[in-house]
Amino acid sequence: MITPDNANYDSSGIGCTSEVGTYPANPWGLYDMHGNVLEWVEDDWHRNYRGAPTDGSAWKDMREGRDAHLGVLRGGSWINASRFCRSAVRSGDRTRHRINIFGFRVARTLS
């Protein structure tokens, strides 16, 4: 359960982003997986998952350079309610849009 003890979201009372590692790690040793900032991921925006890759790769099929190019943001930020602070929550926004509730997600391929 997401509470003010383990994530930075609207009810935590901080009112801005928190420093990395402010909250305890999850059972897998990962920090800051909920709240704080919405996270840009590599995928292009699609309304649903019809036609999505099934191998875990990024879904990249939009033309580059379009002003209306939308990317995917996951999770919730410090201004969102706790129900939006899950990594499965996704939304789309212009990839050129910058605001203090957006961050990014770093992923590493393990072999």
PDB file of N, CA and C in Angstrom:
ATOM      1  N   MET A   1       0.836  -1.174   0.000  1.00  0.00           N
ATOM      2  CA  MET A   1       0.000   0.000   0.000  1.00  0.00           C
ATOM      3  C   MET A   1       0.891   1.250   0.000  1.00  0.00           C
ATOM      4  N   ILE A   2       0.534   2.223  -0.802  1.00  0.00           N
ATOM      5  CA  ILE A   2       1.293   3.466  -0.874  1.00  0.00           C
ATOM      6  C   ILE A   2       0.791   4.418   0.209  1.00  0.00           C
ATOM      7  N   THR A   3       1.715   4.827   1.056  1.00  0.00           N
ATOM      8  CA  THR A   3       1.398   5.743   2.155  1.00  0.00           C
ATOM      9  C   THR A   3       2.447   6.859   2.184  1.00  0.00           C
ATOM     10  N   PRO A   4       2.202   7.930   2.945  1.00  0.00           N
ATOM     11  CA  PRO A   4       3.218   8.992   3.068  1.00  0.00           C
ATOM     12  C   PRO A   4       4.537   8.497   3.688  1.00  0.00           C
ATOM     13  N   ASP A   5       4.533   7.300   4.290  1.00  0.00           N
ATOM     14  CA  ASP A   5       5.767   6.739   4.853  1.00  0.00           C
ATOM     15  C   ASP A   5       6.665   6.105   3.800  1.00  0.00           C
ATOM     16  N   ASN A   6       6.102   5.800   2.593  1.00  0.00           N
ATOM     17  CA  ASN A   6       6.925   5.126   1.594  1.00  0.00           C
ATOM     18  C   ASN A   6       6.906   5.767   0.210  1.00  0.00           C
ATOM     19  N   ALA A   7       6.252   6.908   0.042  1.00  0.00           N
ATOM     20  CA  ALA A   7       6.237   7.569  -1.268  1.00  0.00           C
ATOM     21  C   ALA A   7       5.896   9.049  -1.123  1.00  0.00           C
ATOM     22  N   ASN A   8       6.389   9.836  -2.055  1.00  0.00           N
ATOM     23  CA  ASN A   8       6.115  11.273  -2.103  1.00  0.00           C
ATOM     24  C   ASN A   8       4.961  11.506  -3.072  1.00  0.00           C
ATOM     25  N   TYR A   9       3.791  11.795  -2.547  1.00  0.00           N
ATOM     26  CA  TYR A   9       2.609  12.103  -3.360  1.00  0.00           C
ATOM     27  C   TYR A   9       1.813  13.178  -2.641  1.00  0.00           C
ATOM     28  N   ASP A  10       0.641  13.529  -3.159  1.00  0.00           N
ATOM     29  CA  ASP A  10      -0.052  14.727  -2.662  1.00  0.00           C
ATOM     30  C   ASP A  10      -0.357  14.743  -1.176  1.00  0.00           C
ATOM     31  N   SER A  11      -0.527  13.606  -0.556  1.00  0.00           N
ATOM     32  CA  SER A  11      -0.853  13.585   0.868  1.00  0.00           C
ATOM     33  C   SER A  11       0.370  13.549   1.770  1.00  0.00           C
ATOM     34  N   SER A  12       1.561  13.486   1.182  1.00  0.00           N
ATOM     35  CA  SER A  12       2.761  13.388   2.016  1.00  0.00           C
ATOM     36  C   SER A  12       3.143  14.722   2.633  1.00  0.00           C
ATOM     37  N   GLY A  13       2.640  15.831   2.070  1.00  0.00           N
ATOM     38  CA  GLY A  13       2.866  17.144   2.653  1.00  0.00           C
ATOM     39  C   GLY A  13       4.179  17.810   2.289  1.00  0.00           C
ATOM     40  N   ILE A  14       5.004  17.195   1.454  1.00  0.00           N
ATOM     41  CA  ILE A  14       6.300  17.785   1.097  1.00  0.00           C
ATOM     42  C   ILE A  14       6.107  18.950   0.132  1.00  0.00           C
ATOM     43  N   GLY A  15       5.257  18.790  -0.881  1.00  0.00           N
ATOM     44  CA  GLY A  15       4.952  19.870  -1.817  1.00  0.00           C
ATOM     45  C   GLY A  15       5.986  20.099  -2.901  1.00  0.00           C
ATOM     46  N   CYS A  16       6.914  19.184  -3.088  1.00  0.00           N
ATOM     47  CA  CYS A  16       7.922  19.272  -4.150  1.00  0.00           C
ATOM     48  C   CYS A  16       8.583  17.901  -4.270  1.00  0.00           C
ATOM     49  N   THR A  17       9.516  17.772  -5.182  1.00  0.00           N
ATOM     50  CA  THR A  17      10.210  16.488  -5.312  1.00  0.00           C
ATOM     51  C   THR A  17      11.061  16.229  -4.072  1.00  0.00           C
ATOM     52  N   SER A  18      11.284  14.969  -3.788  1.00  0.00           N
ATOM     53  CA  SER A  18      12.116  14.590  -2.645  1.00  0.00           C
ATOM     54  C   SER A  18      13.440  14.023  -3.147  1.00  0.00           C
ATOM     55  N   GLU A  19      14.442  14.063  -2.301  1.00  0.00           N
ATOM     56  CA  GLU A  19      15.760  13.554  -2.645  1.00  0.00           C
ATOM     57  C   GLU A  19      15.702  12.032  -2.822  1.00  0.00           C
ATOM     58  N   VAL A  20      16.454  11.533  -3.773  1.00  0.00           N
ATOM     59  CA  VAL A  20      16.509  10.088  -4.019  1.00  0.00           C
ATOM     60  C   VAL A  20      16.941   9.381  -2.742  1.00  0.00           C
ATOM     61  N   GLY A  21      16.246   8.292  -2.422  1.00  0.00           N
ATOM     62  CA  GLY A  21      16.572   7.519  -1.229  1.00  0.00           C
ATOM     63  C   GLY A  21      15.920   8.029   0.041  1.00  0.00           C
ATOM     64  N   THR A  22      15.015   9.001  -0.064  1.00  0.00           N
ATOM     65  CA  THR A  22      14.313   9.523   1.116  1.00  0.00           C
ATOM     66  C   THR A  22      13.439   8.448   1.748  1.00  0.00           C
ATOM     67  N   TYR A  23      12.888   7.593   0.931  1.00  0.00           N
ATOM     68  CA  TYR A  23      11.970   6.544   1.395  1.00  0.00           C
ATOM     69  C   TYR A  23      12.666   5.192   1.341  1.00  0.00           C
ATOM     70  N   PRO A  24      12.194   4.222   2.130  1.00  0.00           N
ATOM     71  CA  PRO A  24      12.849   2.909   2.151  1.00  0.00           C
ATOM     72  C   PRO A  24      12.743   2.186   0.802  1.00  0.00           C
ATOM     73  N   ALA A  25      13.686   1.312   0.551  1.00  0.00           N
ATOM     74  CA  ALA A  25      13.673   0.486  -0.664  1.00  0.00           C
ATOM     75  C   ALA A  25      12.521  -0.517  -0.606  1.00  0.00           C
ATOM     76  N   ASN A  26      12.072  -0.952  -1.785  1.00  0.00           N
ATOM     77  CA  ASN A  26      11.043  -1.989  -1.829  1.00  0.00           C
ATOM     78  C   ASN A  26      11.703  -3.349  -1.562  1.00  0.00           C
ATOM     79  N   PRO A  27      10.937  -4.450  -1.549  1.00  0.00           N
ATOM     80  CA  PRO A  27      11.523  -5.765  -1.241  1.00  0.00           C
ATOM     81  C   PRO A  27      12.645  -6.203  -2.193  1.00  0.00           C
ATOM     82  N   TRP A  28      12.763  -5.589  -3.360  1.00  0.00           N
ATOM     83  CA  TRP A  28      13.802  -5.945  -4.337  1.00  0.00           C
ATOM     84  C   TRP A  28      14.990  -4.999  -4.267  1.00  0.00           C
ATOM     85  N   GLY A  29      14.998  -4.091  -3.290  1.00  0.00           N
ATOM     86  CA  GLY A  29      16.105  -3.171  -3.109  1.00  0.00           C
ATOM     87  C   GLY A  29      16.059  -1.944  -4.004  1.00  0.00           C
ATOM     88  N   LEU A  30      14.906  -1.671  -4.617  1.00  0.00           N
ATOM     89  CA  LEU A  30      14.761  -0.523  -5.509  1.00  0.00           C
ATOM     90  C   LEU A  30      14.128   0.644  -4.761  1.00  0.00           C
ATOM     91  N   TYR A  31      14.688   1.826  -4.960  1.00  0.00           N
ATOM     92  CA  TYR A  31      14.199   3.033  -4.300  1.00  0.00           C
ATOM     93  C   TYR A  31      13.326   3.853  -5.243  1.00  0.00           C
ATOM     94  N   ASP A  32      12.422   4.615  -4.670  1.00  0.00           N
ATOM     95  CA  ASP A  32      11.664   5.648  -5.387  1.00  0.00           C
ATOM     96  C   ASP A  32      10.887   5.122  -6.595  1.00  0.00           C
ATOM     97  N   MET A  33      10.246   3.995  -6.444  1.00  0.00           N
ATOM     98  CA  MET A  33       9.472   3.415  -7.544  1.00  0.00           C
ATOM     99  C   MET A  33       8.053   3.965  -7.613  1.00  0.00           C
ATOM    100  N   HIS A  34       7.624   4.695  -6.612  1.00  0.00           N
ATOM    101  CA  HIS A  34       6.272   5.265  -6.591  1.00  0.00           C
ATOM    102  C   HIS A  34       6.340   6.734  -6.217  1.00  0.00           C
ATOM    103  N   GLY A  35       5.542   7.545  -6.901  1.00  0.00           N
ATOM    104  CA  GLY A  35       5.471   8.962  -6.571  1.00  0.00           C
ATOM    105  C   GLY A  35       6.711   9.733  -6.999  1.00  0.00           C
ATOM    106  N   ASN A  36       6.888  10.891  -6.423  1.00  0.00           N
ATOM    107  CA  ASN A  36       7.974  11.831  -6.686  1.00  0.00           C
ATOM    108  C   ASN A  36       7.842  12.487  -8.053  1.00  0.00           C
ATOM    109  N   VAL A  37       8.113  11.788  -9.157  1.00  0.00           N
ATOM    110  CA  VAL A  37       7.929  12.347 -10.502  1.00  0.00           C
ATOM    111  C   VAL A  37       7.310  11.292 -11.420  1.00  0.00           C
ATOM    112  N   LEU A  38       6.520  11.754 -12.401  1.00  0.00           N
ATOM    113  CA  LEU A  38       6.103  10.885 -13.486  1.00  0.00           C
ATOM    114  C   LEU A  38       7.362  10.569 -14.286  1.00  0.00           C
ATOM    115  N   GLU A  39       7.468   9.377 -14.826  1.00  0.00           N
ATOM    116  CA  GLU A  39       8.710   8.963 -15.466  1.00  0.00           C
ATOM    117  C   GLU A  39       8.530   8.735 -16.954  1.00  0.00           C
ATOM    118  N   TRP A  40       9.345   9.454 -17.753  1.00  0.00           N
ATOM    119  CA  TRP A  40       9.369   9.205 -19.192  1.00  0.00           C
ATOM    120  C   TRP A  40       9.939   7.812 -19.421  1.00  0.00           C
ATOM    121  N   VAL A  41       9.323   7.063 -20.318  1.00  0.00           N
ATOM    122  CA  VAL A  41       9.875   5.788 -20.769  1.00  0.00           C
ATOM    123  C   VAL A  41      10.062   5.870 -22.277  1.00  0.00           C
ATOM    124  N   GLU A  42      10.676   4.881 -22.882  1.00  0.00           N
ATOM    125  CA  GLU A  42      11.063   4.950 -24.291  1.00  0.00           C
ATOM    126  C   GLU A  42       9.902   4.841 -25.275  1.00  0.00           C
ATOM    127  N   ASP A  43       8.794   4.268 -24.874  1.00  0.00           N
ATOM    128  CA  ASP A  43       7.673   4.016 -25.783  1.00  0.00           C
ATOM    129  C   ASP A  43       7.060   5.283 -26.365  1.00  0.00           C
ATOM    130  N   ASP A  44       6.569   5.172 -27.597  1.00  0.00           N
ATOM    131  CA  ASP A  44       5.694   6.188 -28.171  1.00  0.00           C
ATOM    132  C   ASP A  44       4.292   5.952 -27.608  1.00  0.00           C
ATOM    133  N   TRP A  45       3.478   6.999 -27.535  1.00  0.00           N
ATOM    134  CA  TRP A  45       2.129   6.888 -26.986  1.00  0.00           C
ATOM    135  C   TRP A  45       1.205   6.131 -27.932  1.00  0.00           C
ATOM    136  N   HIS A  46       0.431   5.211 -27.364  1.00  0.00           N
ATOM    137  CA  HIS A  46      -0.648   4.496 -28.051  1.00  0.00           C
ATOM    138  C   HIS A  46      -1.817   4.449 -27.081  1.00  0.00           C
ATOM    139  N   ARG A  47      -3.021   4.565 -27.600  1.00  0.00           N
ATOM    140  CA  ARG A  47      -4.215   4.582 -26.733  1.00  0.00           C
ATOM    141  C   ARG A  47      -4.438   3.260 -26.008  1.00  0.00           C
ATOM    142  N   ASN A  48      -4.003   2.158 -26.610  1.00  0.00           N
ATOM    143  CA  ASN A  48      -4.191   0.842 -26.002  1.00  0.00           C
ATOM    144  C   ASN A  48      -2.987  -0.029 -26.366  1.00  0.00           C
ATOM    145  N   TYR A  49      -3.037  -1.280 -26.003  1.00  0.00           N
ATOM    146  CA  TYR A  49      -1.901  -2.176 -26.232  1.00  0.00           C
ATOM    147  C   TYR A  49      -2.054  -3.051 -27.477  1.00  0.00           C
ATOM    148  N   ARG A  50      -3.066  -2.799 -28.298  1.00  0.00           N
ATOM    149  CA  ARG A  50      -3.233  -3.592 -29.529  1.00  0.00           C
ATOM    150  C   ARG A  50      -2.046  -3.346 -30.458  1.00  0.00           C
ATOM    151  N   GLY A  51      -1.355  -4.406 -30.808  1.00  0.00           N
ATOM    152  CA  GLY A  51      -0.197  -4.312 -31.692  1.00  0.00           C
ATOM    153  C   GLY A  51       1.115  -4.060 -30.966  1.00  0.00           C
ATOM    154  N   ALA A  52       1.090  -4.051 -29.651  1.00  0.00           N
ATOM    155  CA  ALA A  52       2.316  -3.800 -28.877  1.00  0.00           C
ATOM    156  C   ALA A  52       3.275  -4.982 -28.992  1.00  0.00           C
ATOM    157  N   PRO A  53       4.579  -4.722 -28.906  1.00  0.00           N
ATOM    158  CA  PRO A  53       5.548  -5.824 -28.911  1.00  0.00           C
ATOM    159  C   PRO A  53       5.298  -6.754 -27.731  1.00  0.00           C
ATOM    160  N   THR A  54       5.540  -8.019 -27.928  1.00  0.00           N
ATOM    161  CA  THR A  54       5.344  -8.998 -26.858  1.00  0.00           C
ATOM    162  C   THR A  54       6.666  -9.452 -26.248  1.00  0.00           C
ATOM    163  N   ASP A  55       7.780  -8.873 -26.718  1.00  0.00           N
ATOM    164  CA  ASP A  55       9.092  -9.288 -26.231  1.00  0.00           C
ATOM    165  C   ASP A  55       9.692  -8.337 -25.192  1.00  0.00           C
ATOM    166  N   GLY A  56       8.916  -7.357 -24.729  1.00  0.00           N
ATOM    167  CA  GLY A  56       9.407  -6.421 -23.729  1.00  0.00           C
ATOM    168  C   GLY A  56      10.153  -5.232 -24.304  1.00  0.00           C
ATOM    169  N   SER A  57      10.283  -5.171 -25.621  1.00  0.00           N
ATOM    170  CA  SER A  57      10.993  -4.044 -26.237  1.00  0.00           C
ATOM    171  C   SER A  57      10.111  -2.803 -26.258  1.00  0.00           C
ATOM    172  N   ALA A  58      10.744  -1.639 -26.448  1.00  0.00           N
ATOM    173  CA  ALA A  58      10.004  -0.380 -26.528  1.00  0.00           C
ATOM    174  C   ALA A  58       9.139  -0.372 -27.780  1.00  0.00           C
ATOM    175  N   TRP A  59       8.003   0.289 -27.707  1.00  0.00           N
ATOM    176  CA  TRP A  59       7.065   0.388 -28.834  1.00  0.00           C
ATOM    177  C   TRP A  59       7.301   1.718 -29.527  1.00  0.00           C
ATOM    178  N   LYS A  60       8.191   1.717 -30.500  1.00  0.00           N
ATOM    179  CA  LYS A  60       8.604   2.916 -31.216  1.00  0.00           C
ATOM    180  C   LYS A  60       8.136   2.832 -32.658  1.00  0.00           C
ATOM    181  N   ASP A  61       7.116   3.606 -33.021  1.00  0.00           N
ATOM    182  CA  ASP A  61       6.696   3.591 -34.413  1.00  0.00           C
ATOM    183  C   ASP A  61       6.172   4.931 -34.913  1.00  0.00           C
ATOM    184  N   MET A  62       6.299   5.989 -34.122  1.00  0.00           N
ATOM    185  CA  MET A  62       5.865   7.307 -34.562  1.00  0.00           C
ATOM    186  C   MET A  62       6.977   7.960 -35.375  1.00  0.00           C
ATOM    187  N   ARG A  63       6.613   8.853 -36.272  1.00  0.00           N
ATOM    188  CA  ARG A  63       7.617   9.586 -37.044  1.00  0.00           C
ATOM    189  C   ARG A  63       8.326  10.574 -36.140  1.00  0.00           C
ATOM    190  N   GLU A  64       9.636  10.657 -36.245  1.00  0.00           N
ATOM    191  CA  GLU A  64      10.417  11.590 -35.439  1.00  0.00           C
ATOM    192  C   GLU A  64      10.203  13.020 -35.915  1.00  0.00           C
ATOM    193  N   GLY A  65      10.361  13.980 -35.005  1.00  0.00           N
ATOM    194  CA  GLY A  65      10.335  15.383 -35.357  1.00  0.00           C
ATOM    195  C   GLY A  65       8.968  16.037 -35.434  1.00  0.00           C
ATOM    196  N   ARG A  66       7.904  15.300 -35.260  1.00  0.00           N
ATOM    197  CA  ARG A  66       6.572  15.904 -35.290  1.00  0.00           C
ATOM    198  C   ARG A  66       6.337  16.702 -34.028  1.00  0.00           C
ATOM    199  N   ASP A  67       5.741  17.872 -34.146  1.00  0.00           N
ATOM    200  CA  ASP A  67       5.442  18.685 -32.963  1.00  0.00           C
ATOM    201  C   ASP A  67       4.479  17.973 -32.034  1.00  0.00           C
ATOM    202  N   ALA A  68       3.570  17.192 -32.590  1.00  0.00           N
ATOM    203  CA  ALA A  68       2.556  16.532 -31.776  1.00  0.00           C
ATOM    204  C   ALA A  68       3.020  15.169 -31.273  1.00  0.00           C
ATOM    205  N   HIS A  69       4.317  14.849 -31.421  1.00  0.00           N
ATOM    206  CA  HIS A  69       4.831  13.552 -30.979  1.00  0.00           C
ATOM    207  C   HIS A  69       4.585  13.365 -29.493  1.00  0.00           C
ATOM    208  N   LEU A  70       3.932  12.287 -29.149  1.00  0.00           N
ATOM    209  CA  LEU A  70       3.627  12.000 -27.748  1.00  0.00           C
ATOM    210  C   LEU A  70       4.448  10.821 -27.254  1.00  0.00           C
ATOM    211  N   GLY A  71       4.978  10.949 -26.052  1.00  0.00           N
ATOM    212  CA  GLY A  71       5.680   9.865 -25.395  1.00  0.00           C
ATOM    213  C   GLY A  71       4.859   9.367 -24.220  1.00  0.00           C
ATOM    214  N   VAL A  72       5.359   8.350 -23.558  1.00  0.00           N
ATOM    215  CA  VAL A  72       4.646   7.734 -22.436  1.00  0.00           C
ATOM    216  C   VAL A  72       5.302   8.131 -21.124  1.00  0.00           C
ATOM    217  N   LEU A  73       4.453   8.511 -20.182  1.00  0.00           N
ATOM    218  CA  LEU A  73       4.862   8.771 -18.801  1.00  0.00           C
ATOM    219  C   LEU A  73       4.233   7.689 -17.932  1.00  0.00           C
ATOM    220  N   ARG A  74       4.980   7.194 -16.966  1.00  0.00           N
ATOM    221  CA  ARG A  74       4.458   6.166 -16.066  1.00  0.00           C
ATOM    222  C   ARG A  74       4.502   6.644 -14.629  1.00  0.00           C
ATOM    223  N   GLY A  75       3.592   6.096 -13.834  1.00  0.00           N
ATOM    224  CA  GLY A  75       3.543   6.395 -12.409  1.00  0.00           C
ATOM    225  C   GLY A  75       2.904   7.732 -12.122  1.00  0.00           C
ATOM    226  N   GLY A  76       3.045   8.181 -10.897  1.00  0.00           N
ATOM    227  CA  GLY A  76       2.489   9.456 -10.464  1.00  0.00           C
ATOM    228  C   GLY A  76       3.573  10.323  -9.859  1.00  0.00           C
ATOM    229  N   SER A  77       3.229  11.566  -9.597  1.00  0.00           N
ATOM    230  CA  SER A  77       4.215  12.510  -9.072  1.00  0.00           C
ATOM    231  C   SER A  77       3.818  13.012  -7.695  1.00  0.00           C
ATOM    232  N   TRP A  78       4.594  13.969  -7.198  1.00  0.00           N
ATOM    233  CA  TRP A  78       4.348  14.534  -5.884  1.00  0.00           C
ATOM    234  C   TRP A  78       3.041  15.312  -5.805  1.00  0.00           C
ATOM    235  N   ILE A  79       2.403  15.633  -6.955  1.00  0.00           N
ATOM    236  CA  ILE A  79       1.112  16.331  -6.900  1.00  0.00           C
ATOM    237  C   ILE A  79      -0.080  15.399  -7.111  1.00  0.00           C
ATOM    238  N   ASN A  80       0.165  14.114  -7.427  1.00  0.00           N
ATOM    239  CA  ASN A  80      -0.913  13.177  -7.720  1.00  0.00           C
ATOM    240  C   ASN A  80      -1.395  12.436  -6.478  1.00  0.00           C
ATOM    241  N   ALA A  81      -2.635  11.956  -6.550  1.00  0.00           N
ATOM    242  CA  ALA A  81      -3.177  11.095  -5.501  1.00  0.00           C
ATOM    243  C   ALA A  81      -2.454   9.751  -5.531  1.00  0.00           C
ATOM    244  N   SER A  82      -2.470   9.046  -4.421  1.00  0.00           N
ATOM    245  CA  SER A  82      -1.735   7.778  -4.311  1.00  0.00           C
ATOM    246  C   SER A  82      -2.182   6.755  -5.343  1.00  0.00           C
ATOM    247  N   ARG A  83      -3.436   6.775  -5.765  1.00  0.00           N
ATOM    248  CA  ARG A  83      -3.912   5.778  -6.742  1.00  0.00           C
ATOM    249  C   ARG A  83      -3.210   5.915  -8.092  1.00  0.00           C
ATOM    250  N   PHE A  84      -2.611   7.074  -8.380  1.00  0.00           N
ATOM    251  CA  PHE A  84      -1.870   7.265  -9.622  1.00  0.00           C
ATOM    252  C   PHE A  84      -0.388   6.935  -9.475  1.00  0.00           C
ATOM    253  N   CYS A  85       0.060   6.682  -8.261  1.00  0.00           N
ATOM    254  CA  CYS A  85       1.488   6.458  -7.996  1.00  0.00           C
ATOM    255  C   CYS A  85       1.839   4.981  -8.056  1.00  0.00           C
ATOM    256  N   ARG A  86       1.509   4.373  -9.167  1.00  0.00           N
ATOM    257  CA  ARG A  86       1.854   2.977  -9.440  1.00  0.00           C
ATOM    258  C   ARG A  86       2.593   2.961 -10.771  1.00  0.00           C
ATOM    259  N   SER A  87       3.598   2.111 -10.913  1.00  0.00           N
ATOM    260  CA  SER A  87       4.376   2.074 -12.151  1.00  0.00           C
ATOM    261  C   SER A  87       3.538   1.629 -13.340  1.00  0.00           C
ATOM    262  N   ALA A  88       2.403   0.976 -13.106  1.00  0.00           N
ATOM    263  CA  ALA A  88       1.539   0.537 -14.202  1.00  0.00           C
ATOM    264  C   ALA A  88       0.687   1.663 -14.779  1.00  0.00           C
ATOM    265  N   VAL A  89       0.521   2.755 -14.051  1.00  0.00           N
ATOM    266  CA  VAL A  89      -0.275   3.889 -14.537  1.00  0.00           C
ATOM    267  C   VAL A  89       0.502   4.574 -15.653  1.00  0.00           C
ATOM    268  N   ARG A  90      -0.184   4.880 -16.766  1.00  0.00           N
ATOM    269  CA  ARG A  90       0.508   5.538 -17.872  1.00  0.00           C
ATOM    270  C   ARG A  90      -0.336   6.642 -18.453  1.00  0.00           C
ATOM    271  N   SER A  91       0.340   7.633 -19.005  1.00  0.00           N
ATOM    272  CA  SER A  91      -0.311   8.734 -19.690  1.00  0.00           C
ATOM    273  C   SER A  91       0.618   9.185 -20.804  1.00  0.00           C
ATOM    274  N   GLY A  92       0.109  10.036 -21.688  1.00  0.00           N
ATOM    275  CA  GLY A  92       0.925  10.538 -22.781  1.00  0.00           C
ATOM    276  C   GLY A  92       1.065  12.042 -22.715  1.00  0.00           C
ATOM    277  N   ASP A  93       2.188  12.552 -23.172  1.00  0.00           N
ATOM    278  CA  ASP A  93       2.408  13.991 -23.231  1.00  0.00           C
ATOM    279  C   ASP A  93       3.432  14.262 -24.320  1.00  0.00           C
ATOM    280  N   ARG A  94       3.504  15.525 -24.742  1.00  0.00           N
ATOM    281  CA  ARG A  94       4.496  15.902 -25.752  1.00  0.00           C
ATOM    282  C   ARG A  94       5.892  15.684 -25.195  1.00  0.00           C
ATOM    283  N   THR A  95       6.736  15.061 -25.981  1.00  0.00           N
ATOM    284  CA  THR A  95       8.075  14.731 -25.502  1.00  0.00           C
ATOM    285  C   THR A  95       8.937  15.964 -25.265  1.00  0.00           C
ATOM    286  N   ARG A  96       8.558  17.097 -25.819  1.00  0.00           N
ATOM    287  CA  ARG A  96       9.309  18.333 -25.591  1.00  0.00           C
ATOM    288  C   ARG A  96       8.843  19.079 -24.341  1.00  0.00           C
ATOM    289  N   HIS A  97       7.767  18.616 -23.721  1.00  0.00           N
ATOM    290  CA  HIS A  97       7.201  19.266 -22.545  1.00  0.00           C
ATOM    291  C   HIS A  97       8.089  18.992 -21.328  1.00  0.00           C
ATOM    292  N   ARG A  98       8.482  20.039 -20.631  1.00  0.00           N
ATOM    293  CA  ARG A  98       9.316  19.922 -19.435  1.00  0.00           C
ATOM    294  C   ARG A  98       8.621  20.611 -18.270  1.00  0.00           C
ATOM    295  N   ILE A  99       8.549  19.916 -17.150  1.00  0.00           N
ATOM    296  CA  ILE A  99       7.903  20.439 -15.949  1.00  0.00           C
ATOM    297  C   ILE A  99       8.456  19.666 -14.750  1.00  0.00           C
ATOM    298  N   ASN A 100       8.372  20.229 -13.572  1.00  0.00           N
ATOM    299  CA  ASN A 100       9.009  19.607 -12.412  1.00  0.00           C
ATOM    300  C   ASN A 100       8.299  18.369 -11.862  1.00  0.00           C
ATOM    301  N   ILE A 101       7.257  17.920 -12.514  1.00  0.00           N
ATOM    302  CA  ILE A 101       6.640  16.655 -12.108  1.00  0.00           C
ATOM    303  C   ILE A 101       7.055  15.517 -13.045  1.00  0.00           C
ATOM    304  N   PHE A 102       7.889  15.819 -14.060  1.00  0.00           N
ATOM    305  CA  PHE A 102       8.385  14.805 -14.999  1.00  0.00           C
ATOM    306  C   PHE A 102       9.839  14.486 -14.698  1.00  0.00           C
ATOM    307  N   GLY A 103      10.168  13.220 -14.731  1.00  0.00           N
ATOM    308  CA  GLY A 103      11.542  12.750 -14.589  1.00  0.00           C
ATOM    309  C   GLY A 103      11.780  11.686 -15.641  1.00  0.00           C
ATOM    310  N   PHE A 104      12.615  10.724 -15.362  1.00  0.00           N
ATOM    311  CA  PHE A 104      12.820   9.639 -16.309  1.00  0.00           C
ATOM    312  C   PHE A 104      13.130   8.358 -15.562  1.00  0.00           C
ATOM    313  N   ARG A 105      12.913   7.264 -16.237  1.00  0.00           N
ATOM    314  CA  ARG A 105      13.160   5.944 -15.683  1.00  0.00           C
ATOM    315  C   ARG A 105      14.380   5.365 -16.380  1.00  0.00           C
ATOM    316  N   VAL A 106      15.331   4.920 -15.614  1.00  0.00           N
ATOM    317  CA  VAL A 106      16.531   4.294 -16.153  1.00  0.00           C
ATOM    318  C   VAL A 106      16.367   2.791 -16.068  1.00  0.00           C
ATOM    319  N   ALA A 107      16.639   2.116 -17.150  1.00  0.00           N
ATOM    320  CA  ALA A 107      16.534   0.656 -17.171  1.00  0.00           C
ATOM    321  C   ALA A 107      17.848   0.078 -17.676  1.00  0.00           C
ATOM    322  N   ARG A 108      18.157  -1.087 -17.225  1.00  0.00           N
ATOM    323  CA  ARG A 108      19.382  -1.752 -17.644  1.00  0.00           C
ATOM    324  C   ARG A 108      19.035  -3.169 -18.053  1.00  0.00           C
ATOM    325  N   THR A 109      19.536  -3.580 -19.204  1.00  0.00           N
ATOM    326  CA  THR A 109      19.334  -4.946 -19.660  1.00  0.00           C
ATOM    327  C   THR A 109      20.370  -5.841 -18.989  1.00  0.00           C
ATOM    328  N   LEU A 110      19.900  -6.868 -18.312  1.00  0.00           N
ATOM    329  CA  LEU A 110      20.791  -7.820 -17.656  1.00  0.00           C
ATOM    330  C   LEU A 110      20.952  -9.047 -18.545  1.00  0.00           C
ATOM    331  N   SER A 111      22.164  -9.514 -18.650  1.00  0.00           N
ATOM    332  CA  SER A 111      22.386 -10.721 -19.483  1.00  0.00           C
ATOM    333  C   SER A 111      22.838 -11.875 -18.629  1.00  0.00           C
TER     334      SER A 111
END
